[in-house]
């Protein structure tokens, strides 16, 4: 199952969620592939990869037909969790893909040879609705939207929902919204609680029960280069992502 982790608004905990959900799914015995589809390479860096120095990344897979996915695949420190890394080279891919035939399906063609090896493929999309994100949506079975509880996130959610519907209608009829996960939540602020109530009111059961609270631990794990589930396994943040993983497994039935 391919899941696109998507939100065109930056700074919503999307990469943190991709890493920690992936690690939690792996803890539960699932085979997981993380795909870094953001030229910033934050997902790769968050797993301790020196991504600036890499010879081969997702970029090569998208624009060079002779590069094999096995040349780029990396194991991570977490058992059962593999990575397709990225770096700033990927920023050129949008321009290079524009003239290609079937450009929206490029990522799907790249991933196809290894899909039978994994239970879950999580794609960390860049914070935009450009061609790379459309590539992720065009090959995904479902979308998880990490969102921060603030007013502007609500506005962005409508735009993102519109994009998902367009991709569903024109490119990928199997695409569905798997769920919205509330991240960086601070129950002490009235604003956050009001936005949370509004999200649940509008989207109902689509919103995951698990809420990821704001914690100092997440920035620390980025520096440590490993998921919170291994860096601080007994922390509230680690438990929250395990709970989210259980919900994802339950909803997807695998």
C-alpha atoms as a PDB file:
ATOM      1  CA  UNK A   1       0.000   0.000   0.000  1.00  0.00           C
ATOM      2  CA  UNK A   2       1.357   3.406  -1.023  1.00  0.00           C
ATOM      3  CA  UNK A   3       0.503   6.344   1.249  1.00  0.00           C
ATOM      4  CA  UNK A   4       1.323   9.939   0.294  1.00  0.00           C
ATOM      5  CA  UNK A   5       2.051  12.126   3.337  1.00  0.00           C
ATOM      6  CA  UNK A   6       0.911  15.414   1.949  1.00  0.00           C
ATOM      7  CA  UNK A   7       0.321  19.039   2.920  1.00  0.00           C
ATOM      8  CA  UNK A   8       1.284  22.025   0.787  1.00  0.00           C
ATOM      9  CA  UNK A   9       1.775  24.091   3.953  1.00  0.00           C
ATOM     10  CA  UNK A  10       5.261  23.666   5.400  1.00  0.00           C
ATOM     11  CA  UNK A  11       6.156  23.205   9.052  1.00  0.00           C
ATOM     12  CA  UNK A  12       3.221  20.969   9.961  1.00  0.00           C
ATOM     13  CA  UNK A  13       5.244  17.990  11.192  1.00  0.00           C
ATOM     14  CA  UNK A  14       4.911  16.081   7.928  1.00  0.00           C
ATOM     15  CA  UNK A  15       8.446  14.702   7.779  1.00  0.00           C
ATOM     16  CA  UNK A  16       8.461  13.922  11.507  1.00  0.00           C
ATOM     17  CA  UNK A  17       5.200  12.045  11.028  1.00  0.00           C
ATOM     18  CA  UNK A  18       6.514  10.110   8.010  1.00  0.00           C
ATOM     19  CA  UNK A  19       9.645   8.978   9.865  1.00  0.00           C
ATOM     20  CA  UNK A  20       7.903   8.037  13.108  1.00  0.00           C
ATOM     21  CA  UNK A  21       4.833   6.448  11.546  1.00  0.00           C
ATOM     22  CA  UNK A  22       7.168   4.406   9.313  1.00  0.00           C
ATOM     23  CA  UNK A  23       9.316   3.342  12.265  1.00  0.00           C
ATOM     24  CA  UNK A  24       6.230   2.432  14.303  1.00  0.00           C
ATOM     25  CA  UNK A  25       4.781   0.343  11.460  1.00  0.00           C
ATOM     26  CA  UNK A  26       8.145  -1.436  11.226  1.00  0.00           C
ATOM     27  CA  UNK A  27       8.023  -2.077  14.997  1.00  0.00           C
ATOM     28  CA  UNK A  28       4.721  -3.855  14.411  1.00  0.00           C
ATOM     29  CA  UNK A  29       6.447  -6.193  11.960  1.00  0.00           C
ATOM     30  CA  UNK A  30       5.473  -4.439   8.732  1.00  0.00           C
ATOM     31  CA  UNK A  31       7.989  -3.958   5.930  1.00  0.00           C
ATOM     32  CA  UNK A  32       8.165  -0.246   5.207  1.00  0.00           C
ATOM     33  CA  UNK A  33       9.783   1.903   2.513  1.00  0.00           C
ATOM     34  CA  UNK A  34      10.115   5.655   3.064  1.00  0.00           C
ATOM     35  CA  UNK A  35      10.433   7.805  -0.055  1.00  0.00           C
ATOM     36  CA  UNK A  36      11.935  11.278   0.358  1.00  0.00           C
ATOM     37  CA  UNK A  37      10.238  13.364  -2.325  1.00  0.00           C
ATOM     38  CA  UNK A  38      11.299  16.728  -0.920  1.00  0.00           C
ATOM     39  CA  UNK A  39      14.434  18.445  -2.299  1.00  0.00           C
ATOM     40  CA  UNK A  40      15.199  19.691   1.225  1.00  0.00           C
ATOM     41  CA  UNK A  41      16.043  16.081   2.106  1.00  0.00           C
ATOM     42  CA  UNK A  42      14.716  16.475   5.663  1.00  0.00           C
ATOM     43  CA  UNK A  43      13.451  12.889   5.776  1.00  0.00           C
ATOM     44  CA  UNK A  44      16.866  11.539   4.808  1.00  0.00           C
ATOM     45  CA  UNK A  45      18.633  13.840   7.279  1.00  0.00           C
ATOM     46  CA  UNK A  46      16.167  12.830  10.010  1.00  0.00           C
ATOM     47  CA  UNK A  47      17.296   9.236   9.526  1.00  0.00           C
ATOM     48  CA  UNK A  48      20.966  10.157   9.866  1.00  0.00           C
ATOM     49  CA  UNK A  49      21.819  10.057   6.138  1.00  0.00           C
ATOM     50  CA  UNK A  50      24.500  12.470   4.893  1.00  0.00           C
ATOM     51  CA  UNK A  51      22.248  13.299   1.971  1.00  0.00           C
ATOM     52  CA  UNK A  52      24.321  16.167   0.516  1.00  0.00           C
ATOM     53  CA  UNK A  53      27.095  13.708  -0.391  1.00  0.00           C
ATOM     54  CA  UNK A  54      24.949  11.046  -2.081  1.00  0.00           C
ATOM     55  CA  UNK A  55      25.801  10.070  -5.648  1.00  0.00           C
ATOM     56  CA  UNK A  56      22.393   8.550  -6.357  1.00  0.00           C
ATOM     57  CA  UNK A  57      19.014   9.744  -5.055  1.00  0.00           C
ATOM     58  CA  UNK A  58      15.337   9.728  -6.027  1.00  0.00           C
ATOM     59  CA  UNK A  59      16.243  12.419  -8.563  1.00  0.00           C
ATOM     60  CA  UNK A  60      18.318   9.953 -10.606  1.00  0.00           C
ATOM     61  CA  UNK A  61      15.479   7.424 -10.560  1.00  0.00           C
ATOM     62  CA  UNK A  62      13.028   9.958 -11.934  1.00  0.00           C
ATOM     63  CA  UNK A  63      15.155  11.326 -14.764  1.00  0.00           C
ATOM     64  CA  UNK A  64      17.638   8.563 -15.697  1.00  0.00           C
ATOM     65  CA  UNK A  65      16.007   5.374 -17.021  1.00  0.00           C
ATOM     66  CA  UNK A  66      19.192   3.313 -16.638  1.00  0.00           C
ATOM     67  CA  UNK A  67      19.412   3.802 -12.845  1.00  0.00           C
ATOM     68  CA  UNK A  68      17.865   0.899 -10.932  1.00  0.00           C
ATOM     69  CA  UNK A  69      15.870   1.402  -7.742  1.00  0.00           C
ATOM     70  CA  UNK A  70      18.150  -1.089  -5.972  1.00  0.00           C
ATOM     71  CA  UNK A  71      21.099   1.230  -6.672  1.00  0.00           C
ATOM     72  CA  UNK A  72      19.401   3.938  -4.612  1.00  0.00           C
ATOM     73  CA  UNK A  73      17.658   1.949  -1.846  1.00  0.00           C
ATOM     74  CA  UNK A  74      19.208   2.240   1.609  1.00  0.00           C
ATOM     75  CA  UNK A  75      18.637   0.366   4.841  1.00  0.00           C
ATOM     76  CA  UNK A  76      18.038   2.458   7.932  1.00  0.00           C
ATOM     77  CA  UNK A  77      19.010   1.742  11.543  1.00  0.00           C
ATOM     78  CA  UNK A  78      15.457   0.505  12.124  1.00  0.00           C
ATOM     79  CA  UNK A  79      14.800  -3.133  11.205  1.00  0.00           C
ATOM     80  CA  UNK A  80      12.303  -3.462   8.371  1.00  0.00           C
ATOM     81  CA  UNK A  81      12.559   0.228   7.409  1.00  0.00           C
ATOM     82  CA  UNK A  82      14.210   1.172   4.097  1.00  0.00           C
ATOM     83  CA  UNK A  83      14.728   4.568   2.475  1.00  0.00           C
ATOM     84  CA  UNK A  84      14.898   6.151  -0.962  1.00  0.00           C
ATOM     85  CA  UNK A  85      16.887   9.292  -0.115  1.00  0.00           C
ATOM     86  CA  UNK A  86      16.788  12.739  -1.647  1.00  0.00           C
ATOM     87  CA  UNK A  87      18.742  15.982  -1.719  1.00  0.00           C
ATOM     88  CA  UNK A  88      18.683  19.361  -3.424  1.00  0.00           C
ATOM     89  CA  UNK A  89      19.275  17.709  -6.849  1.00  0.00           C
ATOM     90  CA  UNK A  90      15.593  16.769  -6.801  1.00  0.00           C
ATOM     91  CA  UNK A  91      14.605  20.427  -7.214  1.00  0.00           C
ATOM     92  CA  UNK A  92      15.593  20.117 -10.897  1.00  0.00           C
ATOM     93  CA  UNK A  93      13.302  17.144 -11.478  1.00  0.00           C
ATOM     94  CA  UNK A  94      10.123  19.191 -11.932  1.00  0.00           C
ATOM     95  CA  UNK A  95      11.667  21.069 -14.856  1.00  0.00           C
ATOM     96  CA  UNK A  96      13.195  17.910 -16.353  1.00  0.00           C
ATOM     97  CA  UNK A  97       9.934  15.984 -16.143  1.00  0.00           C
ATOM     98  CA  UNK A  98       7.743  18.658 -17.717  1.00  0.00           C
ATOM     99  CA  UNK A  99       8.446  17.538 -21.286  1.00  0.00           C
ATOM    100  CA  UNK A 100       8.193  13.795 -20.567  1.00  0.00           C
ATOM    101  CA  UNK A 101       5.287  11.707 -21.815  1.00  0.00           C
ATOM    102  CA  UNK A 102       3.265  10.387 -18.868  1.00  0.00           C
ATOM    103  CA  UNK A 103       5.212  12.652 -16.530  1.00  0.00           C
ATOM    104  CA  UNK A 104       2.672  12.293 -13.692  1.00  0.00           C
ATOM    105  CA  UNK A 105       3.216   8.518 -13.628  1.00  0.00           C
ATOM    106  CA  UNK A 106       7.031   8.582 -13.388  1.00  0.00           C
ATOM    107  CA  UNK A 107       7.278   7.836  -9.668  1.00  0.00           C
ATOM    108  CA  UNK A 108       4.769   4.987  -9.992  1.00  0.00           C
ATOM    109  CA  UNK A 109       6.914   3.368 -12.698  1.00  0.00           C
ATOM    110  CA  UNK A 110      10.012   3.773 -10.510  1.00  0.00           C
ATOM    111  CA  UNK A 111       8.425   2.140  -7.443  1.00  0.00           C
ATOM    112  CA  UNK A 112       6.672  -0.683  -9.271  1.00  0.00           C
ATOM    113  CA  UNK A 113       9.570  -3.222  -9.238  1.00  0.00           C
ATOM    114  CA  UNK A 114       9.808  -3.236  -5.412  1.00  0.00           C
ATOM    115  CA  UNK A 115       6.194  -2.912  -4.301  1.00  0.00           C
ATOM    116  CA  UNK A 116       5.879  -6.626  -3.522  1.00  0.00           C
ATOM    117  CA  UNK A 117       8.713  -6.297  -0.963  1.00  0.00           C
ATOM    118  CA  UNK A 118       6.844  -3.839   1.264  1.00  0.00           C
ATOM    119  CA  UNK A 119       3.591  -3.679   3.207  1.00  0.00           C
ATOM    120  CA  UNK A 120       3.683   0.111   3.260  1.00  0.00           C
ATOM    121  CA  UNK A 121       5.381   2.749   1.131  1.00  0.00           C
ATOM    122  CA  UNK A 122       5.227   6.204   2.739  1.00  0.00           C
ATOM    123  CA  UNK A 123       6.041   9.156   0.491  1.00  0.00           C
ATOM    124  CA  UNK A 124       7.130  12.389   2.168  1.00  0.00           C
ATOM    125  CA  UNK A 125       5.902  15.055  -0.272  1.00  0.00           C
ATOM    126  CA  UNK A 126       7.345  18.525  -0.554  1.00  0.00           C
ATOM    127  CA  UNK A 127       5.232  21.417   0.776  1.00  0.00           C
ATOM    128  CA  UNK A 128       3.733  22.392  -2.584  1.00  0.00           C
ATOM    129  CA  UNK A 129       1.197  21.044  -5.043  1.00  0.00           C
ATOM    130  CA  UNK A 130       3.683  20.822  -7.910  1.00  0.00           C
ATOM    131  CA  UNK A 131       4.542  17.970 -10.267  1.00  0.00           C
ATOM    132  CA  UNK A 132       6.448  15.932  -7.664  1.00  0.00           C
ATOM    133  CA  UNK A 133       3.471  15.922  -5.298  1.00  0.00           C
ATOM    134  CA  UNK A 134       1.133  15.054  -8.180  1.00  0.00           C
ATOM    135  CA  UNK A 135       3.471  12.124  -8.969  1.00  0.00           C
ATOM    136  CA  UNK A 136       3.064  10.901  -5.400  1.00  0.00           C
ATOM    137  CA  UNK A 137      -0.724  11.245  -5.534  1.00  0.00           C
ATOM    138  CA  UNK A 138      -0.889   9.570  -8.944  1.00  0.00           C
ATOM    139  CA  UNK A 139       0.660   6.336  -7.620  1.00  0.00           C
ATOM    140  CA  UNK A 140      -0.717   6.379  -4.053  1.00  0.00           C
ATOM    141  CA  UNK A 141      -3.576   4.300  -2.716  1.00  0.00           C
ATOM    142  CA  UNK A 142      -4.317   6.902  -0.091  1.00  0.00           C
ATOM    143  CA  UNK A 143      -3.315  10.248   1.387  1.00  0.00           C
ATOM    144  CA  UNK A 144      -2.582  11.077   5.014  1.00  0.00           C
ATOM    145  CA  UNK A 145      -2.653  14.798   5.752  1.00  0.00           C
ATOM    146  CA  UNK A 146      -0.673  15.927   8.801  1.00  0.00           C
ATOM    147  CA  UNK A 147      -2.046  19.291   9.892  1.00  0.00           C
ATOM    148  CA  UNK A 148      -1.271  21.788  12.577  1.00  0.00           C
ATOM    149  CA  UNK A 149      -4.229  23.216  14.493  1.00  0.00           C
ATOM    150  CA  UNK A 150      -4.305  26.764  13.244  1.00  0.00           C
ATOM    151  CA  UNK A 151      -6.633  28.793  11.061  1.00  0.00           C
ATOM    152  CA  UNK A 152      -4.431  28.921   7.938  1.00  0.00           C
ATOM    153  CA  UNK A 153      -4.093  25.146   7.973  1.00  0.00           C
ATOM    154  CA  UNK A 154      -7.857  24.888   7.628  1.00  0.00           C
ATOM    155  CA  UNK A 155      -7.799  27.047   4.494  1.00  0.00           C
ATOM    156  CA  UNK A 156      -4.971  24.995   3.019  1.00  0.00           C
ATOM    157  CA  UNK A 157      -6.857  21.798   3.734  1.00  0.00           C
ATOM    158  CA  UNK A 158      -9.653  22.772   1.341  1.00  0.00           C
ATOM    159  CA  UNK A 159      -7.130  23.443  -1.440  1.00  0.00           C
ATOM    160  CA  UNK A 160      -5.355  20.145  -0.833  1.00  0.00           C
ATOM    161  CA  UNK A 161      -8.640  18.265  -0.782  1.00  0.00           C
ATOM    162  CA  UNK A 162      -9.476  19.827  -4.157  1.00  0.00           C
ATOM    163  CA  UNK A 163      -6.139  18.621  -5.602  1.00  0.00           C
ATOM    164  CA  UNK A 164      -6.700  15.092  -4.272  1.00  0.00           C
ATOM    165  CA  UNK A 165     -10.136  15.037  -5.935  1.00  0.00           C
ATOM    166  CA  UNK A 166      -8.699  16.246  -9.257  1.00  0.00           C
ATOM    167  CA  UNK A 167      -5.979  13.574  -9.216  1.00  0.00           C
ATOM    168  CA  UNK A 168      -8.619  10.981  -8.306  1.00  0.00           C
ATOM    169  CA  UNK A 169     -10.809  12.032 -11.254  1.00  0.00           C
ATOM    170  CA  UNK A 170      -8.105  12.439 -13.894  1.00  0.00           C
ATOM    171  CA  UNK A 171      -5.135  10.238 -12.999  1.00  0.00           C
ATOM    172  CA  UNK A 172      -5.763   7.790 -10.182  1.00  0.00           C
ATOM    173  CA  UNK A 173      -9.298   6.552  -9.482  1.00  0.00           C
ATOM    174  CA  UNK A 174      -8.153   4.424  -6.534  1.00  0.00           C
ATOM    175  CA  UNK A 175      -6.841   7.428  -4.581  1.00  0.00           C
ATOM    176  CA  UNK A 176      -8.673   8.154  -1.342  1.00  0.00           C
ATOM    177  CA  UNK A 177      -8.182  10.315   1.723  1.00  0.00           C
ATOM    178  CA  UNK A 178      -7.065   7.880   4.429  1.00  0.00           C
ATOM    179  CA  UNK A 179      -7.086  10.389   7.226  1.00  0.00           C
ATOM    180  CA  UNK A 180      -6.050  13.662   8.782  1.00  0.00           C
ATOM    181  CA  UNK A 181      -3.598  13.516  11.670  1.00  0.00           C
ATOM    182  CA  UNK A 182      -3.428  16.524  13.979  1.00  0.00           C
ATOM    183  CA  UNK A 183       0.200  17.356  14.808  1.00  0.00           C
ATOM    184  CA  UNK A 184       1.995  19.863  17.041  1.00  0.00           C
ATOM    185  CA  UNK A 185      -1.173  20.150  19.123  1.00  0.00           C
ATOM    186  CA  UNK A 186      -1.118  22.344  22.198  1.00  0.00           C
ATOM    187  CA  UNK A 187      -4.263  21.752  24.270  1.00  0.00           C
ATOM    188  CA  UNK A 188      -3.433  24.787  26.422  1.00  0.00           C
ATOM    189  CA  UNK A 189      -4.399  27.237  23.660  1.00  0.00           C
ATOM    190  CA  UNK A 190      -8.026  27.992  22.927  1.00  0.00           C
ATOM    191  CA  UNK A 191      -7.204  28.582  19.241  1.00  0.00           C
ATOM    192  CA  UNK A 192      -5.833  25.047  18.822  1.00  0.00           C
ATOM    193  CA  UNK A 193      -8.848  23.526  20.550  1.00  0.00           C
ATOM    194  CA  UNK A 194     -11.269  25.559  18.393  1.00  0.00           C
ATOM    195  CA  UNK A 195      -9.535  24.573  15.141  1.00  0.00           C
ATOM    196  CA  UNK A 196      -9.454  20.935  16.265  1.00  0.00           C
ATOM    197  CA  UNK A 197     -13.201  21.033  16.933  1.00  0.00           C
ATOM    198  CA  UNK A 198     -13.796  22.555  13.491  1.00  0.00           C
ATOM    199  CA  UNK A 199     -11.693  19.912  11.732  1.00  0.00           C
ATOM    200  CA  UNK A 200     -13.595  17.119  13.456  1.00  0.00           C
ATOM    201  CA  UNK A 201     -16.885  18.852  12.636  1.00  0.00           C
ATOM    202  CA  UNK A 202     -16.041  19.102   8.913  1.00  0.00           C
ATOM    203  CA  UNK A 203     -14.164  15.823   8.384  1.00  0.00           C
ATOM    204  CA  UNK A 204     -15.639  13.584  11.082  1.00  0.00           C
ATOM    205  CA  UNK A 205     -14.307  10.031  11.099  1.00  0.00           C
ATOM    206  CA  UNK A 206     -11.555  10.904   8.621  1.00  0.00           C
ATOM    207  CA  UNK A 207      -9.637  12.533  11.491  1.00  0.00           C
ATOM    208  CA  UNK A 208      -7.469  10.007  13.338  1.00  0.00           C
ATOM    209  CA  UNK A 209      -8.204   9.583  17.043  1.00  0.00           C
ATOM    210  CA  UNK A 210      -4.488   9.874  17.773  1.00  0.00           C
ATOM    211  CA  UNK A 211      -3.298  13.446  18.273  1.00  0.00           C
ATOM    212  CA  UNK A 212       0.423  14.265  18.178  1.00  0.00           C
ATOM    213  CA  UNK A 213       1.138  16.822  20.895  1.00  0.00           C
ATOM    214  CA  UNK A 214       3.800  19.490  20.560  1.00  0.00           C
ATOM    215  CA  UNK A 215       6.973  18.333  22.323  1.00  0.00           C
ATOM    216  CA  UNK A 216      10.595  19.388  22.553  1.00  0.00           C
ATOM    217  CA  UNK A 217      11.587  15.801  21.851  1.00  0.00           C
ATOM    218  CA  UNK A 218      10.869  15.911  18.095  1.00  0.00           C
ATOM    219  CA  UNK A 219      13.483  18.568  17.185  1.00  0.00           C
ATOM    220  CA  UNK A 220      15.991  16.627  19.304  1.00  0.00           C
ATOM    221  CA  UNK A 221      15.378  13.428  17.324  1.00  0.00           C
ATOM    222  CA  UNK A 222      16.062  15.263  14.048  1.00  0.00           C
ATOM    223  CA  UNK A 223      19.495  16.169  15.355  1.00  0.00           C
ATOM    224  CA  UNK A 224      20.026  12.609  16.614  1.00  0.00           C
ATOM    225  CA  UNK A 225      19.114  11.274  13.143  1.00  0.00           C
ATOM    226  CA  UNK A 226      16.724   8.568  14.300  1.00  0.00           C
ATOM    227  CA  UNK A 227      12.998   8.134  14.983  1.00  0.00           C
ATOM    228  CA  UNK A 228      11.601   9.014  18.390  1.00  0.00           C
ATOM    229  CA  UNK A 229      10.509   5.376  18.746  1.00  0.00           C
ATOM    230  CA  UNK A 230      14.151   4.299  19.079  1.00  0.00           C
ATOM    231  CA  UNK A 231      15.643   7.520  20.497  1.00  0.00           C
ATOM    232  CA  UNK A 232      13.120   7.961  23.302  1.00  0.00           C
ATOM    233  CA  UNK A 233      11.031   4.764  23.100  1.00  0.00           C
ATOM    234  CA  UNK A 234       9.068   5.380  26.299  1.00  0.00           C
ATOM    235  CA  UNK A 235       8.214   9.022  25.544  1.00  0.00           C
ATOM    236  CA  UNK A 236       4.675  10.283  24.958  1.00  0.00           C
ATOM    237  CA  UNK A 237       5.640  11.158  21.374  1.00  0.00           C
ATOM    238  CA  UNK A 238       6.768   7.594  20.629  1.00  0.00           C
ATOM    239  CA  UNK A 239       3.580   6.179  22.145  1.00  0.00           C
ATOM    240  CA  UNK A 240       1.471   8.578  20.080  1.00  0.00           C
ATOM    241  CA  UNK A 241       3.056   7.419  16.799  1.00  0.00           C
ATOM    242  CA  UNK A 242       2.601   3.778  17.804  1.00  0.00           C
ATOM    243  CA  UNK A 243      -1.074   4.509  18.411  1.00  0.00           C
ATOM    244  CA  UNK A 244      -1.280   6.194  14.990  1.00  0.00           C
ATOM    245  CA  UNK A 245       0.392   3.148  13.402  1.00  0.00           C
ATOM    246  CA  UNK A 246      -2.214   0.882  14.995  1.00  0.00           C
ATOM    247  CA  UNK A 247      -4.979   3.069  13.534  1.00  0.00           C
ATOM    248  CA  UNK A 248      -3.357   3.026  10.080  1.00  0.00           C
ATOM    249  CA  UNK A 249      -3.011  -0.787  10.210  1.00  0.00           C
ATOM    250  CA  UNK A 250      -6.602  -1.141  11.382  1.00  0.00           C
ATOM    251  CA  UNK A 251      -8.006   1.150   8.668  1.00  0.00           C
ATOM    252  CA  UNK A 252      -5.956  -0.356   5.855  1.00  0.00           C
ATOM    253  CA  UNK A 253      -6.449  -3.942   7.004  1.00  0.00           C
ATOM    254  CA  UNK A 254      -2.814  -5.000   6.562  1.00  0.00           C
END
